[in-house]
Protein backbone atom coordinates (compact mmCIF):
# COMPACT_ATOMS: atom_id res chain seq x y z
CA UNK A 1 34.46 24.73 -82.04
CA UNK A 2 37.76 23.63 -83.54
CA UNK A 3 38.27 24.54 -87.19
CA UNK A 4 40.20 21.90 -89.14
CA UNK A 5 40.03 23.89 -92.37
CA UNK A 6 42.58 26.67 -92.75
CA UNK A 7 41.32 30.24 -92.71
CA UNK A 8 40.45 31.44 -96.24
CA UNK A 9 43.19 34.11 -96.19
CA UNK A 10 45.91 32.15 -94.38
CA UNK A 11 49.55 32.14 -95.55
CA UNK A 12 49.33 29.14 -97.84
CA UNK A 13 52.99 29.42 -98.81
CA UNK A 14 53.81 28.53 -95.21
CA UNK A 15 51.74 25.33 -95.56
CA UNK A 16 53.72 24.31 -98.65
CA UNK A 17 57.08 25.21 -97.10
CA UNK A 18 56.28 23.29 -93.92
CA UNK A 19 55.10 20.22 -95.87
CA UNK A 20 58.25 20.19 -98.03
CA UNK A 21 60.56 20.69 -95.07
CA UNK A 22 58.88 17.88 -93.13
CA UNK A 23 58.98 15.60 -96.19
CA UNK A 24 62.71 16.22 -96.63
CA UNK A 25 63.36 15.40 -92.96
CA UNK A 26 61.17 12.28 -92.93
CA UNK A 27 62.64 10.93 -96.19
CA UNK A 28 66.18 11.48 -94.85
CA UNK A 29 65.29 9.66 -91.63
CA UNK A 30 63.72 6.78 -93.58
CA UNK A 31 66.50 6.54 -96.14
CA UNK A 32 64.09 7.39 -98.96
CA UNK A 33 65.19 9.53 -101.92
CA UNK A 34 63.23 12.78 -102.04
CA UNK A 35 64.18 13.72 -105.60
CA UNK A 36 63.50 17.13 -107.18
CA UNK A 37 60.64 15.59 -109.18
CA UNK A 38 59.02 14.11 -106.08
CA UNK A 39 59.47 17.44 -104.31
CA UNK A 40 57.79 19.26 -107.20
CA UNK A 41 54.83 16.86 -107.27
CA UNK A 42 54.39 17.21 -103.50
CA UNK A 43 54.58 20.98 -103.80
CA UNK A 44 51.88 20.96 -106.50
CA UNK A 45 49.65 18.69 -104.41
CA UNK A 46 50.04 21.11 -101.51
CA UNK A 47 49.42 24.09 -103.81
CA UNK A 48 45.85 24.20 -102.50
CA UNK A 49 43.78 22.47 -99.87
CA UNK A 50 41.70 20.91 -102.62
CA UNK A 51 42.35 17.45 -104.05
CA UNK A 52 44.53 17.54 -107.16
CA UNK A 53 44.33 14.90 -109.89
CA UNK A 54 47.40 13.35 -111.51
CA UNK A 55 46.61 14.89 -114.89
CA UNK A 56 46.17 18.30 -113.24
CA UNK A 57 49.63 17.88 -111.73
CA UNK A 58 50.99 16.89 -115.12
CA UNK A 59 49.41 19.97 -116.73
CA UNK A 60 50.83 22.27 -114.04
CA UNK A 61 54.30 20.78 -114.49
CA UNK A 62 54.22 21.21 -118.25
CA UNK A 63 52.72 24.69 -117.92
CA UNK A 64 55.55 25.75 -115.61
CA UNK A 65 58.01 24.57 -118.23
CA UNK A 66 59.73 22.12 -115.89
CA UNK A 67 60.18 19.64 -118.68
CA UNK A 68 58.09 17.27 -120.70
CA UNK A 69 56.56 15.32 -117.86
CA UNK A 70 54.58 12.23 -118.82
CA UNK A 71 51.76 10.54 -116.87
CA UNK A 72 53.89 7.58 -115.75
CA UNK A 73 56.46 9.94 -114.21
CA UNK A 74 53.76 11.72 -112.21
CA UNK A 75 52.15 8.46 -111.10
CA UNK A 76 55.50 7.06 -109.94
CA UNK A 77 56.13 10.20 -107.90
CA UNK A 78 52.62 9.98 -106.40
CA UNK A 79 53.16 6.30 -105.56
CA UNK A 80 56.37 7.21 -103.72
CA UNK A 81 54.63 10.02 -101.83
CA UNK A 82 51.77 7.70 -100.84
CA UNK A 83 54.12 4.88 -99.79
CA UNK A 84 55.92 7.34 -97.54
CA UNK A 85 52.71 8.70 -96.03
CA UNK A 86 53.16 12.18 -97.49
CA UNK A 87 49.91 12.27 -99.49
CA UNK A 88 46.52 10.60 -99.39
CA UNK A 89 44.27 9.58 -102.25
CA UNK A 90 40.74 10.94 -102.14
CA UNK A 91 38.98 8.12 -103.96
CA UNK A 92 35.71 9.98 -104.52
CA UNK A 93 37.62 12.64 -106.46
CA UNK A 94 40.33 10.38 -107.92
CA UNK A 95 42.77 12.97 -106.64
CA UNK A 96 45.38 13.58 -103.95
CA UNK A 97 45.89 15.81 -100.92
CA UNK A 98 48.90 16.38 -98.73
CA UNK A 99 48.98 14.44 -95.48
CA UNK A 100 48.60 16.65 -92.42
CA UNK A 101 50.31 14.09 -90.16
CA UNK A 102 52.99 12.23 -92.15
CA UNK A 103 55.14 11.36 -89.13
CA UNK A 104 53.17 8.19 -88.38
CA UNK A 105 50.97 5.79 -90.33
CA UNK A 106 47.29 6.39 -89.70
CA UNK A 107 43.87 5.81 -91.16
CA UNK A 108 42.53 8.51 -93.42
CA UNK A 109 39.48 10.45 -92.32
CA UNK A 110 38.59 13.36 -94.57
CA UNK A 111 36.01 16.10 -94.52
CA UNK A 112 35.29 17.29 -98.07
CA UNK A 113 33.45 20.57 -98.56
CA UNK A 114 30.99 20.19 -101.42
CA UNK A 115 30.85 23.98 -101.85
CA UNK A 116 34.51 25.12 -101.99
CA UNK A 117 36.14 21.71 -102.59
CA UNK A 118 38.65 21.97 -99.74
CA UNK A 119 39.59 18.86 -97.81
CA UNK A 120 40.52 18.63 -94.14
CA UNK A 121 42.11 15.59 -92.56
CA UNK A 122 40.97 14.55 -89.10
CA UNK A 123 42.16 11.73 -86.87
CA UNK A 124 39.39 10.38 -84.68
CA UNK A 125 40.45 7.25 -82.83
CA UNK A 126 36.82 6.25 -82.19
CA UNK A 127 36.13 6.12 -85.94
CA UNK A 128 39.25 4.06 -86.64
CA UNK A 129 38.45 1.72 -83.73
CA UNK A 130 34.83 1.26 -84.83
CA UNK A 131 35.93 0.38 -88.38
CA UNK A 132 38.51 -2.11 -87.12
CA UNK A 133 36.10 -3.72 -84.67
CA UNK A 134 33.27 -3.95 -87.21
CA UNK A 135 35.58 -5.44 -89.82
CA UNK A 136 36.98 -7.96 -87.32
CA UNK A 137 33.45 -9.09 -86.38
CA UNK A 138 32.77 -9.60 -90.10
CA UNK A 139 36.01 -11.56 -90.55
CA UNK A 140 37.35 -8.84 -92.83
CA UNK A 141 40.96 -7.68 -93.02
CA UNK A 142 41.10 -3.92 -93.57
CA UNK A 143 43.91 -2.76 -95.84
CA UNK A 144 42.85 0.83 -96.55
CA UNK A 145 40.75 2.33 -93.76
CA UNK A 146 39.76 5.58 -95.48
CA UNK A 147 36.62 7.52 -94.60
CA UNK A 148 35.45 10.40 -96.79
CA UNK A 149 32.66 12.62 -95.50
CA UNK A 150 31.10 15.25 -97.76
CA UNK A 151 29.37 18.33 -96.40
CA UNK A 152 29.81 22.07 -95.94
CA UNK A 153 32.79 23.64 -94.18
CA UNK A 154 32.39 26.33 -91.53
CA UNK A 155 33.56 29.04 -93.93
CA UNK A 156 31.04 28.14 -96.66
CA UNK A 157 28.22 27.94 -94.13
CA UNK A 158 29.29 31.34 -92.76
CA UNK A 159 29.62 32.95 -96.20
CA UNK A 160 33.36 33.71 -95.85
CA UNK A 161 34.02 32.57 -99.44
CA UNK A 162 31.52 34.96 -101.02
């Protein structure tokens, strides 16, 4: 069985560092400005494997004393990160998670643990294909093919979070 959720005691700092390094490289390749503010917002989104809301990000920024951030500033940064495929919106939580595969555009398929709140991104071609085919049969043009599945992660079922 392949675990898509990180181990409970993994080196989370490495996740953040890897995400920021990859974002810097991809933005440079794409000619997109990865400003210090955008970097900070991405870092805060990656600060856990749980979805983070825009107002939570704002609170963390103001708590850290990085300035008097305002909601519009945070939303603009999030918009940039989404446009560049660096984060995904989890609609059911009205929050954001870092993209595990930002190198290429892809549909979003997310497993959301109802117990611990962590989110794992998966990429199952069969799911994406079935959505596209079903939509085409219905004469529907898909613009945001996001699938959110709620359940219990392997760690919560196994009691590793206790």
